[in-house]
Amino acid sequence: MVDVEQGMSTDDHWFVLRPNIAVDWRQTLAVFGLIAAVSLATALFFTFIGYWPVLPFAVEEIGQLGWALYVSAHRACECEVVIIGGDRIEVRKGRRRPETSWTLPIHWTEVVLEPARHRWYSGRLLLRSHGVAVELGRFLNEEERASLARQLRRRIGPMGGMGERTCLSGA
């Protein structure tokens, strides 16, 4: 999901990138608790009638489901902010707060949308300048990534961003 905000001056633009989140943490815990209770109750029933090996597998299953839900919820907190203002671009990445940041000169930064090398993988959106490449929106789908690239190209690059760059053959 990409949110675009206008800054105090008309030249400032903020692009806030977040993964699409279906449910919040409390809903995730409620569903996990329900699944764990049903699984554990079933395993205890089979344990009491003599099939005790079911219990360790059920506990392992509940543990792995809890771990997977935690990792998914942790990744859902990722946030990337691209601030374009004046003669610079600032990129901040982190979970809940900025953990890493880069500052690039606006007129020397190139917006690169690399296509996927294989259909199983997604493409990459990069901001490149002076040997530094910052990847944006790993969690975005291809349409969102392409739309973001177009929006960034309008505001970034040589001469204030001259739009889509094309390669001329034979020139």
N, C-alpha and C. Protein backbone atom coordinates (compact mmCIF):
# COMPACT_ATOMS: atom_id res chain seq x y z
N MET A 1 0.84 -1.16 0.00
CA MET A 1 0.00 0.00 0.00
C MET A 1 0.90 1.24 0.00
N VAL A 2 0.59 2.19 -0.86
CA VAL A 2 1.39 3.41 -0.99
C VAL A 2 0.49 4.60 -0.69
N ASP A 3 0.89 5.41 0.28
CA ASP A 3 0.21 6.66 0.58
C ASP A 3 1.11 7.80 0.16
N VAL A 4 0.55 8.78 -0.55
CA VAL A 4 1.32 9.95 -0.98
C VAL A 4 0.76 11.15 -0.24
N GLU A 5 1.66 11.91 0.40
CA GLU A 5 1.26 13.09 1.15
C GLU A 5 2.04 14.29 0.66
N GLN A 6 1.39 15.42 0.64
CA GLN A 6 2.04 16.68 0.27
C GLN A 6 2.58 17.32 1.54
N GLY A 7 3.80 17.85 1.49
CA GLY A 7 4.41 18.50 2.64
C GLY A 7 3.92 19.92 2.81
N MET A 8 4.54 20.66 3.70
CA MET A 8 4.16 22.06 3.96
C MET A 8 4.33 22.92 2.71
N SER A 9 5.43 22.73 1.99
CA SER A 9 5.61 23.47 0.74
C SER A 9 5.15 22.57 -0.41
N THR A 10 4.88 23.17 -1.56
CA THR A 10 4.38 22.38 -2.69
C THR A 10 5.44 21.47 -3.27
N ASP A 11 6.72 21.67 -2.93
CA ASP A 11 7.79 20.83 -3.46
C ASP A 11 8.05 19.58 -2.62
N ASP A 12 7.53 19.51 -1.41
CA ASP A 12 7.76 18.37 -0.53
C ASP A 12 6.71 17.28 -0.78
N HIS A 13 7.18 16.05 -0.96
CA HIS A 13 6.29 14.90 -1.15
C HIS A 13 6.76 13.77 -0.26
N TRP A 14 5.83 13.12 0.39
CA TRP A 14 6.11 11.97 1.25
C TRP A 14 5.41 10.76 0.65
N PHE A 15 6.17 9.69 0.44
CA PHE A 15 5.61 8.42 0.00
C PHE A 15 5.78 7.44 1.16
N VAL A 16 4.68 6.97 1.71
CA VAL A 16 4.70 6.05 2.84
C VAL A 16 4.29 4.67 2.32
N LEU A 17 5.21 3.71 2.43
CA LEU A 17 4.98 2.35 1.92
C LEU A 17 4.81 1.39 3.08
N ARG A 18 3.70 0.65 3.04
CA ARG A 18 3.42 -0.36 4.07
C ARG A 18 2.85 -1.60 3.40
N PRO A 19 3.07 -2.78 3.98
CA PRO A 19 2.42 -3.98 3.45
C PRO A 19 0.91 -3.91 3.69
N ASN A 20 0.15 -4.59 2.84
CA ASN A 20 -1.29 -4.68 3.07
C ASN A 20 -1.53 -5.64 4.23
N ILE A 21 -2.24 -5.18 5.24
CA ILE A 21 -2.46 -5.98 6.44
C ILE A 21 -3.94 -6.34 6.50
N ALA A 22 -4.23 -7.63 6.60
CA ALA A 22 -5.62 -8.08 6.62
C ALA A 22 -6.23 -7.97 8.02
N VAL A 23 -5.51 -8.35 9.04
CA VAL A 23 -6.05 -8.34 10.40
C VAL A 23 -5.03 -7.71 11.35
N ASP A 24 -5.51 -7.28 12.50
CA ASP A 24 -4.59 -6.72 13.50
C ASP A 24 -4.12 -7.81 14.45
N TRP A 25 -3.25 -7.44 15.37
CA TRP A 25 -2.61 -8.41 16.26
C TRP A 25 -3.62 -9.09 17.18
N ARG A 26 -4.60 -8.36 17.70
CA ARG A 26 -5.59 -8.96 18.60
C ARG A 26 -6.44 -10.00 17.88
N GLN A 27 -6.81 -9.72 16.64
CA GLN A 27 -7.57 -10.70 15.87
C GLN A 27 -6.72 -11.94 15.59
N THR A 28 -5.45 -11.73 15.31
CA THR A 28 -4.54 -12.85 15.07
C THR A 28 -4.43 -13.72 16.32
N LEU A 29 -4.29 -13.10 17.48
CA LEU A 29 -4.21 -13.86 18.73
C LEU A 29 -5.50 -14.62 19.01
N ALA A 30 -6.64 -14.02 18.72
CA ALA A 30 -7.93 -14.69 18.94
C ALA A 30 -8.05 -15.93 18.06
N VAL A 31 -7.70 -15.81 16.80
CA VAL A 31 -7.77 -16.96 15.88
C VAL A 31 -6.77 -18.03 16.30
N PHE A 32 -5.55 -17.60 16.68
CA PHE A 32 -4.55 -18.57 17.14
C PHE A 32 -5.04 -19.30 18.39
N GLY A 33 -5.63 -18.58 19.33
CA GLY A 33 -6.15 -19.21 20.55
C GLY A 33 -7.23 -20.23 20.25
N LEU A 34 -8.13 -19.90 19.32
CA LEU A 34 -9.20 -20.82 18.94
C LEU A 34 -8.63 -22.08 18.29
N ILE A 35 -7.72 -21.90 17.35
CA ILE A 35 -7.11 -23.06 16.68
C ILE A 35 -6.32 -23.91 17.67
N ALA A 36 -5.56 -23.26 18.55
CA ALA A 36 -4.77 -23.99 19.54
C ALA A 36 -5.68 -24.76 20.50
N ALA A 37 -6.78 -24.16 20.95
CA ALA A 37 -7.69 -24.83 21.87
C ALA A 37 -8.32 -26.06 21.22
N VAL A 38 -8.78 -25.93 20.00
CA VAL A 38 -9.41 -27.07 19.31
C VAL A 38 -8.38 -28.18 19.08
N SER A 39 -7.20 -27.81 18.62
CA SER A 39 -6.16 -28.80 18.36
C SER A 39 -5.74 -29.51 19.64
N LEU A 40 -5.54 -28.74 20.71
CA LEU A 40 -5.13 -29.34 21.98
C LEU A 40 -6.23 -30.22 22.57
N ALA A 41 -7.49 -29.78 22.48
CA ALA A 41 -8.60 -30.59 22.99
C ALA A 41 -8.69 -31.91 22.23
N THR A 42 -8.54 -31.86 20.92
CA THR A 42 -8.58 -33.08 20.12
C THR A 42 -7.42 -34.00 20.50
N ALA A 43 -6.23 -33.43 20.65
CA ALA A 43 -5.06 -34.23 21.01
C ALA A 43 -5.22 -34.86 22.40
N LEU A 44 -5.78 -34.10 23.35
CA LEU A 44 -5.99 -34.65 24.70
C LEU A 44 -7.04 -35.78 24.68
N PHE A 45 -8.08 -35.63 23.87
CA PHE A 45 -9.07 -36.69 23.74
C PHE A 45 -8.41 -37.98 23.26
N PHE A 46 -7.61 -37.89 22.20
CA PHE A 46 -6.94 -39.08 21.67
C PHE A 46 -5.90 -39.62 22.65
N THR A 47 -5.27 -38.74 23.44
CA THR A 47 -4.32 -39.20 24.45
C THR A 47 -5.03 -40.02 25.52
N PHE A 48 -6.21 -39.57 25.96
CA PHE A 48 -6.95 -40.28 27.01
C PHE A 48 -7.51 -41.62 26.54
N ILE A 49 -7.72 -41.79 25.24
CA ILE A 49 -8.21 -43.10 24.78
C ILE A 49 -7.06 -44.01 24.34
N GLY A 50 -5.82 -43.57 24.56
CA GLY A 50 -4.69 -44.45 24.34
C GLY A 50 -3.77 -44.09 23.20
N TYR A 51 -4.10 -43.10 22.43
CA TYR A 51 -3.23 -42.70 21.31
C TYR A 51 -2.35 -41.53 21.73
N TRP A 52 -1.48 -41.77 22.69
CA TRP A 52 -0.66 -40.70 23.27
C TRP A 52 0.32 -40.03 22.30
N PRO A 53 0.81 -40.71 21.22
CA PRO A 53 1.75 -40.01 20.33
C PRO A 53 1.15 -38.79 19.61
N VAL A 54 -0.16 -38.65 19.64
CA VAL A 54 -0.80 -37.51 18.98
C VAL A 54 -0.44 -36.20 19.70
N LEU A 55 -0.32 -36.25 21.02
CA LEU A 55 -0.10 -35.03 21.81
C LEU A 55 1.19 -34.29 21.45
N PRO A 56 2.35 -34.94 21.36
CA PRO A 56 3.56 -34.18 21.01
C PRO A 56 3.47 -33.52 19.62
N PHE A 57 2.83 -34.21 18.68
CA PHE A 57 2.69 -33.63 17.34
C PHE A 57 1.76 -32.42 17.36
N ALA A 58 0.71 -32.49 18.16
CA ALA A 58 -0.22 -31.36 18.26
C ALA A 58 0.47 -30.16 18.90
N VAL A 59 1.27 -30.40 19.93
CA VAL A 59 2.00 -29.30 20.58
C VAL A 59 3.00 -28.69 19.61
N GLU A 60 3.69 -29.53 18.84
CA GLU A 60 4.63 -29.03 17.84
C GLU A 60 3.90 -28.20 16.78
N GLU A 61 2.74 -28.69 16.34
CA GLU A 61 1.95 -27.97 15.34
C GLU A 61 1.51 -26.60 15.86
N ILE A 62 1.08 -26.54 17.10
CA ILE A 62 0.64 -25.28 17.71
C ILE A 62 1.83 -24.31 17.82
N GLY A 63 2.97 -24.83 18.21
CA GLY A 63 4.17 -24.00 18.31
C GLY A 63 4.59 -23.42 16.98
N GLN A 64 4.57 -24.23 15.93
CA GLN A 64 4.96 -23.74 14.61
C GLN A 64 3.95 -22.73 14.06
N LEU A 65 2.67 -22.97 14.31
CA LEU A 65 1.65 -22.01 13.87
C LEU A 65 1.84 -20.67 14.59
N GLY A 66 2.10 -20.72 15.90
CA GLY A 66 2.34 -19.49 16.66
C GLY A 66 3.56 -18.73 16.15
N TRP A 67 4.62 -19.45 15.85
CA TRP A 67 5.84 -18.82 15.32
C TRP A 67 5.55 -18.16 13.97
N ALA A 68 4.84 -18.87 13.08
CA ALA A 68 4.54 -18.33 11.75
C ALA A 68 3.66 -17.08 11.85
N LEU A 69 2.67 -17.09 12.73
CA LEU A 69 1.81 -15.92 12.89
C LEU A 69 2.60 -14.74 13.47
N TYR A 70 3.52 -15.02 14.39
CA TYR A 70 4.34 -13.95 14.97
C TYR A 70 5.24 -13.31 13.90
N VAL A 71 5.89 -14.15 13.09
CA VAL A 71 6.77 -13.63 12.03
C VAL A 71 5.96 -12.81 11.03
N SER A 72 4.79 -13.30 10.68
CA SER A 72 3.92 -12.57 9.74
C SER A 72 3.50 -11.22 10.32
N ALA A 73 3.11 -11.20 11.58
CA ALA A 73 2.70 -9.94 12.22
C ALA A 73 3.89 -8.98 12.35
N HIS A 74 5.07 -9.53 12.62
CA HIS A 74 6.26 -8.69 12.75
C HIS A 74 6.61 -8.04 11.41
N ARG A 75 6.51 -8.80 10.33
CA ARG A 75 6.79 -8.26 9.00
C ARG A 75 5.73 -7.25 8.55
N ALA A 76 4.53 -7.38 9.07
CA ALA A 76 3.45 -6.45 8.71
C ALA A 76 3.70 -5.05 9.27
N CYS A 77 4.63 -4.93 10.22
CA CYS A 77 4.95 -3.63 10.81
C CYS A 77 6.01 -2.86 10.03
N GLU A 78 6.50 -3.44 8.93
CA GLU A 78 7.52 -2.76 8.12
C GLU A 78 6.94 -1.47 7.55
N CYS A 79 7.79 -0.47 7.47
CA CYS A 79 7.37 0.80 6.90
C CYS A 79 8.58 1.43 6.20
N GLU A 80 8.32 2.00 5.03
CA GLU A 80 9.35 2.72 4.29
C GLU A 80 8.78 4.09 3.95
N VAL A 81 9.56 5.13 4.19
CA VAL A 81 9.13 6.50 3.90
C VAL A 81 10.15 7.13 2.97
N VAL A 82 9.67 7.66 1.85
CA VAL A 82 10.52 8.38 0.90
C VAL A 82 10.08 9.84 0.96
N ILE A 83 11.01 10.70 1.36
CA ILE A 83 10.71 12.14 1.48
C ILE A 83 11.49 12.86 0.40
N ILE A 84 10.75 13.52 -0.49
CA ILE A 84 11.37 14.28 -1.57
C ILE A 84 11.13 15.75 -1.29
N GLY A 85 12.20 16.48 -1.09
CA GLY A 85 12.07 17.90 -0.81
C GLY A 85 13.38 18.63 -1.09
N GLY A 86 13.24 19.82 -1.66
CA GLY A 86 14.43 20.61 -1.95
C GLY A 86 15.30 19.91 -2.97
N ASP A 87 16.57 19.72 -2.61
CA ASP A 87 17.51 19.09 -3.53
C ASP A 87 17.94 17.70 -3.06
N ARG A 88 17.12 17.07 -2.21
CA ARG A 88 17.52 15.76 -1.69
C ARG A 88 16.32 14.83 -1.55
N ILE A 89 16.65 13.56 -1.45
CA ILE A 89 15.68 12.49 -1.22
C ILE A 89 16.14 11.77 0.04
N GLU A 90 15.23 11.59 0.96
CA GLU A 90 15.55 10.84 2.17
C GLU A 90 14.69 9.59 2.20
N VAL A 91 15.33 8.44 2.42
CA VAL A 91 14.63 7.16 2.51
C VAL A 91 14.83 6.63 3.91
N ARG A 92 13.73 6.34 4.58
CA ARG A 92 13.78 5.78 5.94
C ARG A 92 13.07 4.43 5.94
N LYS A 93 13.70 3.43 6.57
CA LYS A 93 13.12 2.10 6.67
C LYS A 93 13.16 1.64 8.12
N GLY A 94 12.16 0.88 8.51
CA GLY A 94 12.15 0.32 9.85
C GLY A 94 10.81 -0.30 10.19
N ARG A 95 10.74 -0.78 11.42
CA ARG A 95 9.50 -1.31 11.99
C ARG A 95 9.17 -0.44 13.20
N ARG A 96 7.99 0.15 13.16
CA ARG A 96 7.49 1.04 14.22
C ARG A 96 8.25 2.37 14.33
N ARG A 97 9.52 2.40 13.91
CA ARG A 97 10.31 3.64 13.93
C ARG A 97 11.43 3.48 12.91
N PRO A 98 12.01 4.58 12.43
CA PRO A 98 13.11 4.47 11.45
C PRO A 98 14.33 3.77 12.06
N GLU A 99 14.82 2.74 11.38
CA GLU A 99 16.01 2.02 11.84
C GLU A 99 17.21 2.31 10.96
N THR A 100 16.97 2.53 9.66
CA THR A 100 18.04 2.90 8.74
C THR A 100 17.54 4.02 7.84
N SER A 101 18.47 4.84 7.38
CA SER A 101 18.07 5.93 6.48
C SER A 101 19.20 6.23 5.50
N TRP A 102 18.82 6.77 4.34
CA TRP A 102 19.75 7.17 3.29
C TRP A 102 19.34 8.55 2.82
N THR A 103 20.30 9.37 2.41
CA THR A 103 20.03 10.66 1.81
C THR A 103 20.72 10.70 0.45
N LEU A 104 19.94 10.98 -0.60
CA LEU A 104 20.45 10.99 -1.97
C LEU A 104 20.18 12.34 -2.62
N PRO A 105 21.06 12.81 -3.50
CA PRO A 105 20.81 14.07 -4.21
C PRO A 105 19.72 13.86 -5.27
N ILE A 106 18.74 14.75 -5.30
CA ILE A 106 17.58 14.54 -6.17
C ILE A 106 17.93 14.56 -7.65
N HIS A 107 18.85 15.42 -8.07
CA HIS A 107 19.15 15.54 -9.49
C HIS A 107 20.08 14.46 -10.02
N TRP A 108 20.68 13.67 -9.14
CA TRP A 108 21.59 12.62 -9.57
C TRP A 108 21.08 11.24 -9.22
N THR A 109 19.84 11.15 -8.83
CA THR A 109 19.26 9.87 -8.45
C THR A 109 18.43 9.32 -9.60
N GLU A 110 18.60 8.04 -9.86
CA GLU A 110 17.89 7.36 -10.93
C GLU A 110 16.87 6.39 -10.32
N VAL A 111 15.65 6.40 -10.86
CA VAL A 111 14.62 5.44 -10.45
C VAL A 111 14.69 4.27 -11.42
N VAL A 112 14.97 3.08 -10.90
CA VAL A 112 15.15 1.90 -11.73
C VAL A 112 14.11 0.85 -11.34
N LEU A 113 13.34 0.41 -12.31
CA LEU A 113 12.38 -0.67 -12.10
C LEU A 113 12.90 -1.88 -12.87
N GLU A 114 13.52 -2.81 -12.13
CA GLU A 114 14.08 -4.01 -12.75
C GLU A 114 12.99 -5.06 -12.88
N PRO A 115 12.84 -5.66 -14.05
CA PRO A 115 11.84 -6.71 -14.20
C PRO A 115 12.28 -7.98 -13.47
N ALA A 116 11.32 -8.84 -13.21
CA ALA A 116 11.63 -10.11 -12.56
C ALA A 116 12.45 -10.98 -13.49
N ARG A 117 13.42 -11.67 -12.94
CA ARG A 117 14.27 -12.56 -13.75
C ARG A 117 13.57 -13.88 -14.04
N HIS A 118 12.60 -14.21 -13.22
CA HIS A 118 11.82 -15.43 -13.40
C HIS A 118 10.40 -15.13 -12.95
N ARG A 119 9.43 -15.81 -13.51
CA ARG A 119 8.04 -15.49 -13.18
C ARG A 119 7.67 -15.78 -11.73
N TRP A 120 8.46 -16.58 -11.04
CA TRP A 120 8.18 -16.87 -9.64
C TRP A 120 8.60 -15.73 -8.71
N TYR A 121 9.47 -14.86 -9.20
CA TYR A 121 10.00 -13.79 -8.37
C TYR A 121 9.39 -12.46 -8.78
N SER A 122 9.49 -11.49 -7.90
CA SER A 122 8.98 -10.16 -8.23
C SER A 122 10.13 -9.28 -8.70
N GLY A 123 9.79 -8.20 -9.39
CA GLY A 123 10.80 -7.25 -9.83
C GLY A 123 11.31 -6.43 -8.65
N ARG A 124 12.20 -5.50 -8.95
CA ARG A 124 12.77 -4.66 -7.90
C ARG A 124 12.66 -3.21 -8.31
N LEU A 125 12.37 -2.35 -7.33
CA LEU A 125 12.36 -0.91 -7.54
C LEU A 125 13.52 -0.34 -6.74
N LEU A 126 14.44 0.36 -7.45
CA LEU A 126 15.64 0.88 -6.81
C LEU A 126 15.76 2.38 -7.03
N LEU A 127 16.32 3.06 -6.04
CA LEU A 127 16.80 4.43 -6.19
C LEU A 127 18.32 4.32 -6.18
N ARG A 128 18.99 4.77 -7.28
CA ARG A 128 20.44 4.64 -7.38
C ARG A 128 21.07 6.00 -7.57
N SER A 129 22.18 6.21 -6.84
CA SER A 129 22.95 7.44 -6.99
C SER A 129 24.33 7.23 -6.40
N HIS A 130 25.35 7.59 -7.16
CA HIS A 130 26.74 7.56 -6.70
C HIS A 130 27.12 6.22 -6.07
N GLY A 131 26.76 5.12 -6.71
CA GLY A 131 27.14 3.80 -6.22
C GLY A 131 26.28 3.26 -5.10
N VAL A 132 25.27 3.99 -4.68
CA VAL A 132 24.37 3.54 -3.62
C VAL A 132 23.04 3.16 -4.26
N ALA A 133 22.54 1.97 -3.94
CA ALA A 133 21.24 1.52 -4.44
C ALA A 133 20.36 1.17 -3.25
N VAL A 134 19.19 1.77 -3.19
CA VAL A 134 18.24 1.51 -2.11
C VAL A 134 17.01 0.87 -2.72
N GLU A 135 16.68 -0.35 -2.28
CA GLU A 135 15.50 -1.03 -2.79
C GLU A 135 14.27 -0.55 -2.02
N LEU A 136 13.20 -0.31 -2.76
CA LEU A 136 11.94 0.14 -2.17
C LEU A 136 10.84 -0.88 -2.43
N GLY A 137 9.95 -1.02 -1.47
CA GLY A 137 8.71 -1.76 -1.66
C GLY A 137 8.84 -3.22 -2.00
N ARG A 138 9.68 -3.95 -1.29
CA ARG A 138 9.77 -5.40 -1.52
C ARG A 138 8.42 -6.08 -1.33
N PHE A 139 7.59 -5.53 -0.45
CA PHE A 139 6.30 -6.13 -0.11
C PHE A 139 5.16 -5.68 -1.01
N LEU A 140 5.43 -4.79 -1.97
CA LEU A 140 4.40 -4.32 -2.89
C LEU A 140 4.22 -5.33 -4.03
N ASN A 141 3.01 -5.35 -4.62
CA ASN A 141 2.82 -6.19 -5.79
C ASN A 141 3.34 -5.45 -7.02
N GLU A 142 3.36 -6.12 -8.16
CA GLU A 142 3.97 -5.54 -9.36
C GLU A 142 3.28 -4.25 -9.81
N GLU A 143 1.94 -4.20 -9.73
CA GLU A 143 1.22 -3.01 -10.18
C GLU A 143 1.53 -1.82 -9.27
N GLU A 144 1.55 -2.06 -7.95
CA GLU A 144 1.87 -0.98 -7.02
C GLU A 144 3.30 -0.49 -7.22
N ARG A 145 4.21 -1.43 -7.45
CA ARG A 145 5.62 -1.07 -7.66
C ARG A 145 5.78 -0.23 -8.94
N ALA A 146 5.10 -0.61 -10.01
CA ALA A 146 5.18 0.14 -11.27
C ALA A 146 4.56 1.53 -11.12
N SER A 147 3.45 1.62 -10.42
CA SER A 147 2.80 2.91 -10.19
C SER A 147 3.69 3.83 -9.36
N LEU A 148 4.31 3.27 -8.33
CA LEU A 148 5.23 4.05 -7.49
C LEU A 148 6.41 4.53 -8.32
N ALA A 149 6.95 3.67 -9.19
CA ALA A 149 8.08 4.06 -10.04
C ALA A 149 7.70 5.24 -10.92
N ARG A 150 6.50 5.22 -11.50
CA ARG A 150 6.06 6.34 -12.35
C ARG A 150 5.95 7.62 -11.53
N GLN A 151 5.38 7.53 -10.34
CA GLN A 151 5.24 8.72 -9.49
C GLN A 151 6.59 9.28 -9.08
N LEU A 152 7.53 8.40 -8.74
CA LEU A 152 8.86 8.85 -8.34
C LEU A 152 9.61 9.47 -9.51
N ARG A 153 9.47 8.90 -10.71
CA ARG A 153 10.16 9.44 -11.88
C ARG A 153 9.70 10.85 -12.22
N ARG A 154 8.45 11.17 -11.89
CA ARG A 154 7.96 12.53 -12.16
C ARG A 154 8.64 13.56 -11.27
N ARG A 155 9.18 13.13 -10.13
CA ARG A 155 9.73 14.07 -9.16
C ARG A 155 11.23 13.95 -8.95
N ILE A 156 11.84 12.88 -9.48
CA ILE A 156 13.26 12.61 -9.22
C ILE A 156 14.03 12.51 -10.52
N GLY A 157 15.30 12.89 -10.45
CA GLY A 157 16.21 12.64 -11.56
C GLY A 157 16.73 13.90 -12.19
N PRO A 158 17.48 13.76 -13.26
CA PRO A 158 18.05 14.92 -13.94
C PRO A 158 16.97 15.91 -14.35
N MET A 159 17.22 17.16 -14.14
CA MET A 159 16.32 18.25 -14.51
C MET A 159 14.96 18.12 -13.82
N GLY A 160 14.96 17.61 -12.59
CA GLY A 160 13.71 17.51 -11.83
C GLY A 160 12.85 16.34 -12.23
N GLY A 161 13.39 15.39 -12.96
CA GLY A 161 12.64 14.22 -13.38
C GLY A 161 11.92 14.48 -14.68
N MET A 162 12.43 13.94 -15.76
CA MET A 162 11.84 14.20 -17.06
C MET A 162 10.89 13.09 -17.49
N GLY A 163 10.39 12.30 -16.56
CA GLY A 163 9.43 11.26 -16.90
C GLY A 163 10.10 9.93 -17.19
N GLU A 164 9.41 9.10 -17.96
CA GLU A 164 9.90 7.77 -18.29
C GLU A 164 11.16 7.86 -19.13
N ARG A 165 12.15 7.04 -18.83
CA ARG A 165 13.38 7.01 -19.60
C ARG A 165 13.26 5.89 -20.62
N THR A 166 13.64 6.14 -21.84
CA THR A 166 13.59 5.13 -22.88
C THR A 166 14.97 4.91 -23.45
N CYS A 167 15.18 3.75 -24.00
CA CYS A 167 16.46 3.42 -24.62
C CYS A 167 16.29 3.48 -26.13
N LEU A 168 17.06 4.30 -26.81
CA LEU A 168 16.97 4.44 -28.25
C LEU A 168 18.00 3.52 -28.91
N SER A 169 17.54 2.65 -29.79
CA SER A 169 18.49 1.76 -30.46
C SER A 169 19.05 2.46 -31.69
N GLY A 170 20.28 2.19 -31.97
CA GLY A 170 20.94 2.74 -33.13
C GLY A 170 21.45 4.16 -32.94
N ALA A 171 21.34 4.70 -31.74
CA ALA A 171 21.78 6.09 -31.51
C ALA A 171 23.14 6.09 -30.87
